[in-house]
Amino acid sequence: MRRITISALCVALAAALLAVAAAPAGAAPRRDRTPPTTPGNLRVTAVTATTISLAWNAASDNVGLNAYIVYQQSALGTYGIYHSPGSTTFTDTIGVRGYTKTYWVVAEDTSGNRSGESNRVTATTTPDTSPPTAPVLTVTGVTQSTASLSWTASTDDAGTPGYRIFVNGAPAQFTTPIPSAGIRTASVRHLTPGTAYTFTVRAADAAGNLSPPSNAVVATTAPSADATAPTTPGNLRITFDMGCAVDLAWNASTDNSTPIEYEVFVNGGIQTIFVGVTTGFVYHTNVNGLNTFAVRAVDPSGNSSPLSNEVTSAFAEC
């Protein structure tokens, strides 16, 4: 048997290594580690109510670009969006007026190398300064202590507006339902019997722009000699708690006239009214903690009892 010495093996291994080192062209290329140049002159080219448009000078690379990464920083955080390497413009659709963002751009090549950051630019979508159109108001009915109102829809360039009711030039204190976007009827409560009132309505958009006042309508409540208030509703209690709403019950009030209405207050504001019954289903209005409920009795002349005892419930999903 032929024997191979250790020294012979060493010589053979050295020869093999030299052969690999001298391999001809066509062997596997070295990995590209050269980053692209930095995109230059990032600039804001246009701003609208809901969009911000950008442009920048192109980056270059020894192999080829894979993408531009457009970074965006706002009150919600920072994130990047991959953008076509063949385009040096970008439009960010925000959909919110008066919203501010800061931008910068980074180039990435096909090997994953990234350039430095471009300069940063900050822009804000144009704020909403256009008021809604004025509604047209009608008084549809009056009682001894209430006036029912209806009005036409206002238009606005930024969505459906809400509405604010004014009585003799001052904001109405007690209305049901509470005016909000899309609601165009309401009852103004706790008016004095036999009294003339002037009503107007204004539309308000999400930016707080108020429309001109509607037409002014004068209405006089019916007279009444009743000055006796109902007794206070007693023993207000929660009979079932759903987390986002509660079933309430209370002891009936008494009065020299009927029907008695029960105003249910949630966190200090009237949310709903029940007539002639002593139970009701009521939603929470505060989704971040405790909600406080109370009830008040009101007779047809607008005489009001004191508020009942309060009960509380913590909001939870349901």
C-alpha atoms as a PDB file:
ATOM      1  CA  MET A   1       0.000   0.000   0.000  1.00  0.00           C
ATOM      2  CA  ARG A   2       1.225   3.442  -0.953  1.00  0.00           C
ATOM      3  CA  ARG A   3       1.720   5.816   1.932  1.00  0.00           C
ATOM      4  CA  ILE A   4       1.295   9.603   1.720  1.00  0.00           C
ATOM      5  CA  THR A   5       3.286  11.635   4.165  1.00  0.00           C
ATOM      6  CA  ILE A   6       1.951  14.626   6.077  1.00  0.00           C
ATOM      7  CA  SER A   7       4.362  16.927   4.268  1.00  0.00           C
ATOM      8  CA  ALA A   8       2.998  15.797   0.893  1.00  0.00           C
ATOM      9  CA  LEU A   9      -0.568  16.595   1.983  1.00  0.00           C
ATOM     10  CA  CYS A  10       0.462  20.088   3.018  1.00  0.00           C
ATOM     11  CA  VAL A  11       2.045  20.711  -0.381  1.00  0.00           C
ATOM     12  CA  ALA A  12      -1.134  19.556  -2.177  1.00  0.00           C
ATOM     13  CA  LEU A  13      -3.372  21.779  -0.049  1.00  0.00           C
ATOM     14  CA  ALA A  14      -1.202  24.838  -0.693  1.00  0.00           C
ATOM     15  CA  ALA A  15      -1.376  24.201  -4.434  1.00  0.00           C
ATOM     16  CA  ALA A  16      -5.166  24.000  -4.327  1.00  0.00           C
ATOM     17  CA  LEU A  17      -5.426  27.299  -2.497  1.00  0.00           C
ATOM     18  CA  LEU A  18      -3.171  28.981  -5.044  1.00  0.00           C
ATOM     19  CA  ALA A  19      -5.380  27.667  -7.842  1.00  0.00           C
ATOM     20  CA  VAL A  20      -8.482  29.172  -6.276  1.00  0.00           C
ATOM     21  CA  ALA A  21      -6.741  32.514  -5.808  1.00  0.00           C
ATOM     22  CA  ALA A  22      -5.764  32.556  -9.462  1.00  0.00           C
ATOM     23  CA  ALA A  23      -9.277  31.673 -10.717  1.00  0.00           C
ATOM     24  CA  PRO A  24     -10.132  33.422 -14.004  1.00  0.00           C
ATOM     25  CA  ALA A  25     -12.816  36.069 -14.559  1.00  0.00           C
ATOM     26  CA  GLY A  26     -16.350  34.766 -14.149  1.00  0.00           C
ATOM     27  CA  ALA A  27     -16.024  33.873 -10.484  1.00  0.00           C
ATOM     28  CA  ALA A  28     -18.739  35.200  -8.086  1.00  0.00           C
ATOM     29  CA  PRO A  29     -18.535  39.059  -7.871  1.00  0.00           C
ATOM     30  CA  ARG A  30     -17.966  40.841  -4.657  1.00  0.00           C
ATOM     31  CA  ARG A  31     -21.089  42.274  -2.931  1.00  0.00           C
ATOM     32  CA  ASP A  32     -21.893  45.912  -3.785  1.00  0.00           C
ATOM     33  CA  ARG A  33     -21.289  48.057  -0.743  1.00  0.00           C
ATOM     34  CA  THR A  34     -21.458  51.491  -2.382  1.00  0.00           C
ATOM     35  CA  PRO A  35     -24.532  53.500  -1.296  1.00  0.00           C
ATOM     36  CA  PRO A  36     -26.431  55.774  -3.657  1.00  0.00           C
ATOM     37  CA  THR A  37     -25.832  59.502  -3.569  1.00  0.00           C
ATOM     38  CA  THR A  38     -28.153  61.482  -1.328  1.00  0.00           C
ATOM     39  CA  PRO A  39     -31.339  62.867  -2.936  1.00  0.00           C
ATOM     40  CA  GLY A  40     -30.958  66.648  -3.130  1.00  0.00           C
ATOM     41  CA  ASN A  41     -33.068  69.747  -2.813  1.00  0.00           C
ATOM     42  CA  LEU A  42     -36.215  68.208  -1.339  1.00  0.00           C
ATOM     43  CA  ARG A  43     -38.931  70.822  -1.680  1.00  0.00           C
ATOM     44  CA  VAL A  44     -42.676  71.358  -1.320  1.00  0.00           C
ATOM     45  CA  THR A  45     -44.210  72.047  -4.722  1.00  0.00           C
ATOM     46  CA  ALA A  46     -47.901  72.374  -3.830  1.00  0.00           C
ATOM     47  CA  VAL A  47     -50.239  72.378  -0.837  1.00  0.00           C
ATOM     48  CA  THR A  48     -54.023  72.016  -0.874  1.00  0.00           C
ATOM     49  CA  ALA A  49     -56.650  71.488   1.797  1.00  0.00           C
ATOM     50  CA  THR A  50     -55.968  67.738   1.814  1.00  0.00           C
ATOM     51  CA  THR A  51     -52.649  67.085  -0.009  1.00  0.00           C
ATOM     52  CA  ILE A  52     -48.950  67.999   0.125  1.00  0.00           C
ATOM     53  CA  SER A  53     -46.795  67.529  -3.002  1.00  0.00           C
ATOM     54  CA  LEU A  54     -42.998  67.081  -2.953  1.00  0.00           C
ATOM     55  CA  ALA A  55     -40.115  66.940  -5.445  1.00  0.00           C
ATOM     56  CA  TRP A  56     -36.366  66.262  -5.141  1.00  0.00           C
ATOM     57  CA  ASN A  57     -33.241  65.900  -7.268  1.00  0.00           C
ATOM     58  CA  ALA A  58     -32.479  62.339  -8.342  1.00  0.00           C
ATOM     59  CA  ALA A  59     -29.911  60.148  -6.607  1.00  0.00           C
ATOM     60  CA  SER A  60     -27.411  58.030  -8.576  1.00  0.00           C
ATOM     61  CA  ASP A  61     -25.860  54.627  -7.917  1.00  0.00           C
ATOM     62  CA  ASN A  62     -23.158  52.413  -9.421  1.00  0.00           C
ATOM     63  CA  VAL A  63     -25.544  49.462  -9.737  1.00  0.00           C
ATOM     64  CA  GLY A  64     -29.061  50.877  -9.834  1.00  0.00           C
ATOM     65  CA  LEU A  65     -31.737  52.281  -7.588  1.00  0.00           C
ATOM     66  CA  ASN A  66     -34.377  50.077  -6.035  1.00  0.00           C
ATOM     67  CA  ALA A  67     -36.575  52.790  -4.502  1.00  0.00           C
ATOM     68  CA  TYR A  68     -36.847  56.140  -2.829  1.00  0.00           C
ATOM     69  CA  ILE A  69     -38.113  55.992   0.739  1.00  0.00           C
ATOM     70  CA  VAL A  70     -40.219  59.023   1.636  1.00  0.00           C
ATOM     71  CA  TYR A  71     -40.243  59.483   5.395  1.00  0.00           C
ATOM     72  CA  GLN A  72     -43.123  61.304   7.068  1.00  0.00           C
ATOM     73  CA  GLN A  73     -43.250  62.612  10.624  1.00  0.00           C
ATOM     74  CA  SER A  74     -46.424  63.936  12.269  1.00  0.00           C
ATOM     75  CA  ALA A  75     -48.264  63.923  15.568  1.00  0.00           C
ATOM     76  CA  LEU A  76     -49.085  60.253  14.920  1.00  0.00           C
ATOM     77  CA  GLY A  77     -45.434  59.167  14.604  1.00  0.00           C
ATOM     78  CA  THR A  78     -42.829  58.521  11.891  1.00  0.00           C
ATOM     79  CA  TYR A  79     -42.952  56.050   9.009  1.00  0.00           C
ATOM     80  CA  GLY A  80     -41.527  55.575   5.529  1.00  0.00           C
ATOM     81  CA  ILE A  81     -43.220  54.835   2.205  1.00  0.00           C
ATOM     82  CA  TYR A  82     -41.393  53.073  -0.643  1.00  0.00           C
ATOM     83  CA  HIS A  83     -41.654  55.068  -3.864  1.00  0.00           C
ATOM     84  CA  SER A  84     -40.721  54.250  -7.481  1.00  0.00           C
ATOM     85  CA  PRO A  85     -37.013  54.806  -8.286  1.00  0.00           C
ATOM     86  CA  GLY A  86     -38.009  56.353 -11.598  1.00  0.00           C
ATOM     87  CA  SER A  87     -40.001  59.189 -10.028  1.00  0.00           C
ATOM     88  CA  THR A  88     -38.728  62.179  -8.070  1.00  0.00           C
ATOM     89  CA  THR A  89     -42.147  63.556  -7.128  1.00  0.00           C
ATOM     90  CA  PHE A  90     -44.585  62.426  -4.457  1.00  0.00           C
ATOM     91  CA  THR A  91     -48.057  63.570  -3.353  1.00  0.00           C
ATOM     92  CA  ASP A  92     -49.208  62.770   0.167  1.00  0.00           C
ATOM     93  CA  THR A  93     -53.005  62.570   0.480  1.00  0.00           C
ATOM     94  CA  ILE A  94     -53.828  63.498   4.070  1.00  0.00           C
ATOM     95  CA  GLY A  95     -57.541  64.272   4.006  1.00  0.00           C
ATOM     96  CA  VAL A  96     -57.344  66.615   6.994  1.00  0.00           C
ATOM     97  CA  ARG A  97     -57.184  70.404   6.881  1.00  0.00           C
ATOM     98  CA  GLY A  98     -54.574  72.289   8.867  1.00  0.00           C
ATOM     99  CA  TYR A  99     -52.442  69.150   9.405  1.00  0.00           C
ATOM    100  CA  THR A 100     -48.639  69.456   9.640  1.00  0.00           C
ATOM    101  CA  LYS A 101     -46.044  66.913   8.477  1.00  0.00           C
ATOM    102  CA  THR A 102     -42.251  66.865   8.113  1.00  0.00           C
ATOM    103  CA  TYR A 103     -40.661  64.935   5.223  1.00  0.00           C
ATOM    104  CA  TRP A 104     -37.245  63.646   4.139  1.00  0.00           C
ATOM    105  CA  VAL A 105     -36.122  61.194   1.433  1.00  0.00           C
ATOM    106  CA  VAL A 106     -33.554  58.358   1.344  1.00  0.00           C
ATOM    107  CA  ALA A 107     -32.437  56.423  -1.771  1.00  0.00           C
ATOM    108  CA  GLU A 108     -31.987  52.629  -1.679  1.00  0.00           C
ATOM    109  CA  ASP A 109     -30.108  50.621  -4.323  1.00  0.00           C
ATOM    110  CA  THR A 110     -30.734  47.068  -5.523  1.00  0.00           C
ATOM    111  CA  SER A 111     -28.185  45.718  -3.032  1.00  0.00           C
ATOM    112  CA  GLY A 112     -30.013  47.298  -0.112  1.00  0.00           C
ATOM    113  CA  ASN A 113     -27.477  50.089   0.449  1.00  0.00           C
ATOM    114  CA  ARG A 114     -29.078  53.341   1.550  1.00  0.00           C
ATOM    115  CA  SER A 115     -28.004  56.923   1.028  1.00  0.00           C
ATOM    116  CA  GLY A 116     -27.922  59.618   3.641  1.00  0.00           C
ATOM    117  CA  GLU A 117     -31.051  61.601   4.423  1.00  0.00           C
ATOM    118  CA  SER A 118     -32.056  64.506   2.233  1.00  0.00           C
ATOM    119  CA  ASN A 119     -32.840  67.881   3.731  1.00  0.00           C
ATOM    120  CA  ARG A 120     -36.099  68.033   5.680  1.00  0.00           C
ATOM    121  CA  VAL A 121     -39.148  70.107   4.765  1.00  0.00           C
ATOM    122  CA  THR A 122     -42.306  70.829   6.757  1.00  0.00           C
ATOM    123  CA  ALA A 123     -45.709  71.708   5.338  1.00  0.00           C
ATOM    124  CA  THR A 124     -49.271  72.159   6.574  1.00  0.00           C
ATOM    125  CA  THR A 125     -52.438  71.526   4.610  1.00  0.00           C
ATOM    126  CA  THR A 126     -54.436  74.706   4.183  1.00  0.00           C
ATOM    127  CA  PRO A 127     -56.814  75.381   7.081  1.00  0.00           C
ATOM    128  CA  ASP A 128     -60.569  75.594   6.652  1.00  0.00           C
ATOM    129  CA  THR A 129     -61.638  79.229   6.828  1.00  0.00           C
ATOM    130  CA  SER A 130     -64.835  79.019   4.767  1.00  0.00           C
ATOM    131  CA  PRO A 131     -68.082  79.141   6.772  1.00  0.00           C
ATOM    132  CA  PRO A 132     -71.131  77.036   5.906  1.00  0.00           C
ATOM    133  CA  THR A 133     -74.106  78.611   4.213  1.00  0.00           C
ATOM    134  CA  ALA A 134     -76.920  79.981   6.393  1.00  0.00           C
ATOM    135  CA  PRO A 135     -79.900  77.704   7.104  1.00  0.00           C
ATOM    136  CA  VAL A 136     -83.537  78.789   6.744  1.00  0.00           C
ATOM    137  CA  LEU A 137     -85.462  78.491  10.023  1.00  0.00           C
ATOM    138  CA  THR A 138     -89.121  77.640  10.703  1.00  0.00           C
ATOM    139  CA  VAL A 139     -90.930  77.418  14.061  1.00  0.00           C
ATOM    140  CA  THR A 140     -93.202  74.387  13.736  1.00  0.00           C
ATOM    141  CA  GLY A 141     -95.000  74.603  17.076  1.00  0.00           C
ATOM    142  CA  VAL A 142     -95.110  76.125  20.565  1.00  0.00           C
ATOM    143  CA  THR A 143     -96.456  75.079  23.959  1.00  0.00           C
ATOM    144  CA  GLN A 144     -96.487  76.877  27.280  1.00  0.00           C
ATOM    145  CA  SER A 145     -92.759  76.259  27.741  1.00  0.00           C
ATOM    146  CA  THR A 146     -91.310  74.870  24.497  1.00  0.00           C
ATOM    147  CA  ALA A 147     -90.779  75.854  20.875  1.00  0.00           C
ATOM    148  CA  SER A 148     -90.206  73.293  18.127  1.00  0.00           C
ATOM    149  CA  LEU A 149     -87.804  74.349  15.380  1.00  0.00           C
ATOM    150  CA  SER A 150     -86.883  73.025  11.950  1.00  0.00           C
ATOM    151  CA  TRP A 151     -84.374  74.339   9.428  1.00  0.00           C
ATOM    152  CA  THR A 152     -82.948  73.602   6.006  1.00  0.00           C
ATOM    153  CA  ALA A 153     -79.572  71.949   5.520  1.00  0.00           C
ATOM    154  CA  SER A 154     -76.502  74.152   5.237  1.00  0.00           C
ATOM    155  CA  THR A 155     -73.674  73.270   2.877  1.00  0.00           C
ATOM    156  CA  ASP A 156     -69.952  73.394   3.599  1.00  0.00           C
ATOM    157  CA  ASP A 157     -66.750  72.577   1.729  1.00  0.00           C
ATOM    158  CA  ALA A 158     -65.516  70.277   4.499  1.00  0.00           C
ATOM    159  CA  GLY A 159     -68.395  67.942   5.267  1.00  0.00           C
ATOM    160  CA  THR A 160     -71.749  68.049   7.033  1.00  0.00           C
ATOM    161  CA  PRO A 161     -71.958  70.903   9.548  1.00  0.00           C
ATOM    162  CA  GLY A 162     -73.597  70.908  12.947  1.00  0.00           C
ATOM    163  CA  TYR A 163     -75.964  73.605  14.159  1.00  0.00           C
ATOM    164  CA  ARG A 164     -76.294  76.041  17.055  1.00  0.00           C
ATOM    165  CA  ILE A 165     -79.594  77.485  18.250  1.00  0.00           C
ATOM    166  CA  PHE A 166     -79.892  81.008  19.603  1.00  0.00           C
ATOM    167  CA  VAL A 167     -82.730  82.457  21.693  1.00  0.00           C
ATOM    168  CA  ASN A 168     -82.913  86.254  21.812  1.00  0.00           C
ATOM    169  CA  GLY A 169     -79.341  86.317  20.527  1.00  0.00           C
ATOM    170  CA  ALA A 170     -77.887  84.000  23.198  1.00  0.00           C
ATOM    171  CA  PRO A 171     -77.081  80.272  22.880  1.00  0.00           C
ATOM    172  CA  ALA A 172     -80.070  78.118  23.822  1.00  0.00           C
ATOM    173  CA  GLN A 173     -79.552  76.489  27.213  1.00  0.00           C
ATOM    174  CA  PHE A 174     -81.934  73.529  26.989  1.00  0.00           C
ATOM    175  CA  THR A 175     -82.571  71.806  23.673  1.00  0.00           C
ATOM    176  CA  THR A 176     -83.510  68.269  22.686  1.00  0.00           C
ATOM    177  CA  PRO A 177     -81.921  66.642  20.915  1.00  0.00           C
ATOM    178  CA  ILE A 178     -78.588  68.383  21.330  1.00  0.00           C
ATOM    179  CA  PRO A 179     -77.904  69.820  17.836  1.00  0.00           C
ATOM    180  CA  SER A 180     -75.200  67.952  15.932  1.00  0.00           C
ATOM    181  CA  ALA A 181     -74.168  67.203  12.366  1.00  0.00           C
ATOM    182  CA  GLY A 182     -77.122  66.061  10.286  1.00  0.00           C
ATOM    183  CA  ILE A 183     -79.809  66.937  12.874  1.00  0.00           C
ATOM    184  CA  ARG A 184     -82.113  69.708  11.660  1.00  0.00           C
ATOM    185  CA  THR A 185     -84.958  69.701  14.187  1.00  0.00           C
ATOM    186  CA  ALA A 186     -84.937  70.538  17.878  1.00  0.00           C
ATOM    187  CA  SER A 187     -87.155  71.609  20.746  1.00  0.00           C
ATOM    188  CA  VAL A 188     -86.114  74.556  22.903  1.00  0.00           C
ATOM    189  CA  ARG A 189     -87.270  73.918  26.461  1.00  0.00           C
ATOM    190  CA  HIS A 190     -87.824  75.829  29.715  1.00  0.00           C
ATOM    191  CA  LEU A 191     -89.264  78.919  28.094  1.00  0.00           C
ATOM    192  CA  THR A 192     -91.520  81.233  30.105  1.00  0.00           C
ATOM    193  CA  PRO A 193     -95.277  80.947  29.369  1.00  0.00           C
ATOM    194  CA  GLY A 194     -96.869  83.845  27.513  1.00  0.00           C
ATOM    195  CA  THR A 195     -93.542  85.275  26.332  1.00  0.00           C
ATOM    196  CA  ALA A 196     -92.296  86.249  22.866  1.00  0.00           C
ATOM    197  CA  TYR A 197     -88.916  84.848  21.808  1.00  0.00           C
ATOM    198  CA  THR A 198     -86.723  85.425  18.775  1.00  0.00           C
ATOM    199  CA  PHE A 199     -85.036  82.308  17.394  1.00  0.00           C
ATOM    200  CA  THR A 200     -82.120  81.966  14.974  1.00  0.00           C
ATOM    201  CA  VAL A 201     -79.879  79.075  13.920  1.00  0.00           C
ATOM    202  CA  ARG A 202     -76.281  79.067  12.692  1.00  0.00           C
ATOM    203  CA  ALA A 203     -74.358  76.215  11.090  1.00  0.00           C
ATOM    204  CA  ALA A 204     -70.896  75.338  12.433  1.00  0.00           C
ATOM    205  CA  ASP A 205     -68.295  73.226  10.625  1.00  0.00           C
ATOM    206  CA  ALA A 206     -65.582  71.034  12.129  1.00  0.00           C
ATOM    207  CA  ALA A 207     -63.089  73.924  12.089  1.00  0.00           C
ATOM    208  CA  GLY A 208     -65.448  76.118  14.116  1.00  0.00           C
ATOM    209  CA  ASN A 209     -66.456  78.417  11.270  1.00  0.00           C
ATOM    210  CA  LEU A 210     -69.977  79.771  11.836  1.00  0.00           C
ATOM    211  CA  SER A 211     -72.439  80.533   9.081  1.00  0.00           C
ATOM    212  CA  PRO A 212     -74.328  83.813   9.014  1.00  0.00           C
ATOM    213  CA  PRO A 213     -77.463  83.651  11.195  1.00  0.00           C
ATOM    214  CA  SER A 214     -80.594  82.192   9.689  1.00  0.00           C
ATOM    215  CA  ASN A 215     -83.670  84.299   9.283  1.00  0.00           C
ATOM    216  CA  ALA A 216     -85.041  85.386  12.678  1.00  0.00           C
ATOM    217  CA  VAL A 217     -88.397  83.886  13.686  1.00  0.00           C
ATOM    218  CA  VAL A 218     -90.494  85.303  16.554  1.00  0.00           C
ATOM    219  CA  ALA A 219     -92.828  82.965  18.435  1.00  0.00           C
ATOM    220  CA  THR A 220     -94.865  83.433  21.617  1.00  0.00           C
ATOM    221  CA  THR A 221     -95.383  80.625  24.109  1.00  0.00           C
ATOM    222  CA  ALA A 222     -98.887  79.849  25.345  1.00  0.00           C
ATOM    223  CA  PRO A 223     -99.940  81.501  28.617  1.00  0.00           C
ATOM    224  CA  SER A 224    -100.238  79.548  31.885  1.00  0.00           C
ATOM    225  CA  ALA A 225    -101.225  80.356  35.457  1.00  0.00           C
ATOM    226  CA  ASP A 226     -99.534  77.240  36.828  1.00  0.00           C
ATOM    227  CA  ALA A 227     -96.505  78.067  38.956  1.00  0.00           C
ATOM    228  CA  THR A 228     -96.304  74.825  40.954  1.00  0.00           C
ATOM    229  CA  ALA A 229     -93.301  72.604  40.255  1.00  0.00           C
ATOM    230  CA  PRO A 230     -93.469  68.798  40.359  1.00  0.00           C
ATOM    231  CA  THR A 231     -91.961  66.940  43.279  1.00  0.00           C
ATOM    232  CA  THR A 232     -88.437  65.583  42.883  1.00  0.00           C
ATOM    233  CA  PRO A 233     -88.063  62.122  41.310  1.00  0.00           C
ATOM    234  CA  GLY A 234     -86.910  59.757  44.049  1.00  0.00           C
ATOM    235  CA  ASN A 235     -84.522  56.864  44.374  1.00  0.00           C
ATOM    236  CA  LEU A 236     -82.844  57.049  40.976  1.00  0.00           C
ATOM    237  CA  ARG A 237     -81.068  53.757  40.418  1.00  0.00           C
ATOM    238  CA  ILE A 238     -79.338  51.680  37.749  1.00  0.00           C
ATOM    239  CA  THR A 239     -81.248  48.471  37.145  1.00  0.00           C
ATOM    240  CA  PHE A 240     -78.946  47.122  34.425  1.00  0.00           C
ATOM    241  CA  ASP A 241     -75.483  48.267  33.312  1.00  0.00           C
ATOM    242  CA  MET A 242     -74.326  47.315  29.805  1.00  0.00           C
ATOM    243  CA  GLY A 243     -71.047  49.216  30.039  1.00  0.00           C
ATOM    244  CA  CYS A 244     -71.871  51.704  27.280  1.00  0.00           C
ATOM    245  CA  ALA A 245     -75.450  52.315  28.419  1.00  0.00           C
ATOM    246  CA  VAL A 246     -77.659  51.806  31.453  1.00  0.00           C
ATOM    247  CA  ASP A 247     -81.269  51.066  32.321  1.00  0.00           C
ATOM    248  CA  LEU A 248     -82.489  53.647  34.842  1.00  0.00           C
ATOM    249  CA  ALA A 249     -85.509  53.631  37.123  1.00  0.00           C
ATOM    250  CA  TRP A 250     -86.863  56.222  39.565  1.00  0.00           C
ATOM    251  CA  ASN A 251     -89.877  56.908  41.757  1.00  0.00           C
ATOM    252  CA  ALA A 252     -92.582  59.000  40.118  1.00  0.00           C
ATOM    253  CA  SER A 253     -93.015  62.709  40.764  1.00  0.00           C
ATOM    254  CA  THR A 254     -96.400  64.282  41.450  1.00  0.00           C
ATOM    255  CA  ASP A 255     -97.838  67.526  40.094  1.00  0.00           C
ATOM    256  CA  ASN A 256    -101.124  69.385  39.694  1.00  0.00           C
ATOM    257  CA  SER A 257    -100.983  68.958  35.896  1.00  0.00           C
ATOM    258  CA  THR A 258    -100.042  66.216  33.486  1.00  0.00           C
ATOM    259  CA  PRO A 259     -98.251  64.780  31.634  1.00  0.00           C
ATOM    260  CA  ILE A 260     -95.016  64.951  33.574  1.00  0.00           C
ATOM    261  CA  GLU A 261     -91.848  64.806  31.494  1.00  0.00           C
ATOM    262  CA  TYR A 262     -88.630  63.424  32.939  1.00  0.00           C
ATOM    263  CA  GLU A 263     -85.404  64.969  31.664  1.00  0.00           C
ATOM    264  CA  VAL A 264     -82.456  62.599  31.985  1.00  0.00           C
ATOM    265  CA  PHE A 265     -79.126  64.375  32.498  1.00  0.00           C
ATOM    266  CA  VAL A 266     -75.869  62.645  31.578  1.00  0.00           C
ATOM    267  CA  ASN A 267     -72.726  64.405  32.797  1.00  0.00           C
ATOM    268  CA  GLY A 268     -74.655  67.634  33.307  1.00  0.00           C
ATOM    269  CA  GLY A 269     -76.460  67.842  29.958  1.00  0.00           C
ATOM    270  CA  ILE A 270     -79.933  66.714  28.916  1.00  0.00           C
ATOM    271  CA  GLN A 271     -79.600  63.585  26.812  1.00  0.00           C
ATOM    272  CA  THR A 272     -83.190  62.415  26.495  1.00  0.00           C
ATOM    273  CA  ILE A 273     -86.746  62.893  27.776  1.00  0.00           C
ATOM    274  CA  PHE A 274     -89.275  60.310  28.912  1.00  0.00           C
ATOM    275  CA  VAL A 275     -92.966  61.203  29.181  1.00  0.00           C
ATOM    276  CA  GLY A 276     -95.193  59.628  31.822  1.00  0.00           C
ATOM    277  CA  VAL A 277     -92.844  56.689  32.527  1.00  0.00           C
ATOM    278  CA  THR A 278     -90.319  56.071  35.288  1.00  0.00           C
ATOM    279  CA  THR A 279     -87.779  53.901  33.466  1.00  0.00           C
ATOM    280  CA  GLY A 280     -85.467  54.556  30.564  1.00  0.00           C
ATOM    281  CA  PHE A 281     -82.488  53.286  28.560  1.00  0.00           C
ATOM    282  CA  VAL A 282     -79.686  55.871  28.385  1.00  0.00           C
ATOM    283  CA  TYR A 283     -76.270  55.883  26.694  1.00  0.00           C
ATOM    284  CA  HIS A 284     -73.019  57.061  28.224  1.00  0.00           C
ATOM    285  CA  THR A 285     -71.530  60.267  26.788  1.00  0.00           C
ATOM    286  CA  ASN A 286     -68.056  60.007  28.342  1.00  0.00           C
ATOM    287  CA  VAL A 287     -66.070  57.081  26.939  1.00  0.00           C
ATOM    288  CA  ASN A 288     -63.031  57.757  29.126  1.00  0.00           C
ATOM    289  CA  GLY A 289     -64.311  57.180  32.636  1.00  0.00           C
ATOM    290  CA  LEU A 290     -67.286  57.658  34.924  1.00  0.00           C
ATOM    291  CA  ASN A 291     -70.670  58.863  33.706  1.00  0.00           C
ATOM    292  CA  THR A 292     -73.075  60.615  36.067  1.00  0.00           C
ATOM    293  CA  PHE A 293     -76.856  60.382  35.679  1.00  0.00           C
ATOM    294  CA  ALA A 294     -79.681  62.426  37.234  1.00  0.00           C
ATOM    295  CA  VAL A 295     -83.380  63.015  36.502  1.00  0.00           C
ATOM    296  CA  ARG A 296     -85.608  66.086  36.712  1.00  0.00           C
ATOM    297  CA  ALA A 297     -89.409  66.334  36.408  1.00  0.00           C
ATOM    298  CA  VAL A 298     -91.000  69.053  34.257  1.00  0.00           C
ATOM    299  CA  ASP A 299     -94.716  69.893  33.946  1.00  0.00           C
ATOM    300  CA  PRO A 300     -96.512  71.282  30.856  1.00  0.00           C
ATOM    301  CA  SER A 301     -95.953  74.874  32.046  1.00  0.00           C
ATOM    302  CA  GLY A 302     -92.209  74.350  32.245  1.00  0.00           C
ATOM    303  CA  ASN A 303     -92.032  74.234  36.037  1.00  0.00           C
ATOM    304  CA  SER A 304     -89.097  72.024  37.032  1.00  0.00           C
ATOM    305  CA  SER A 305     -88.385  69.937  40.087  1.00  0.00           C
ATOM    306  CA  PRO A 306     -84.935  69.818  41.683  1.00  0.00           C
ATOM    307  CA  LEU A 307     -82.602  67.172  40.296  1.00  0.00           C
ATOM    308  CA  SER A 308     -82.840  63.671  41.713  1.00  0.00           C
ATOM    309  CA  ASN A 309     -79.991  61.902  43.426  1.00  0.00           C
ATOM    310  CA  GLU A 310     -77.075  61.055  41.115  1.00  0.00           C
ATOM    311  CA  VAL A 311     -75.873  57.598  40.095  1.00  0.00           C
ATOM    312  CA  THR A 312     -72.645  56.767  38.256  1.00  0.00           C
ATOM    313  CA  SER A 313     -71.420  54.134  35.823  1.00  0.00           C
ATOM    314  CA  ALA A 314     -67.972  53.534  34.321  1.00  0.00           C
ATOM    315  CA  PHE A 315     -67.849  53.241  30.542  1.00  0.00           C
ATOM    316  CA  ALA A 316     -66.951  49.881  29.015  1.00  0.00           C
ATOM    317  CA  GLU A 317     -67.286  48.432  25.516  1.00  0.00           C
ATOM    318  CA  CYS A 318     -70.561  46.695  24.749  1.00  0.00           C
END
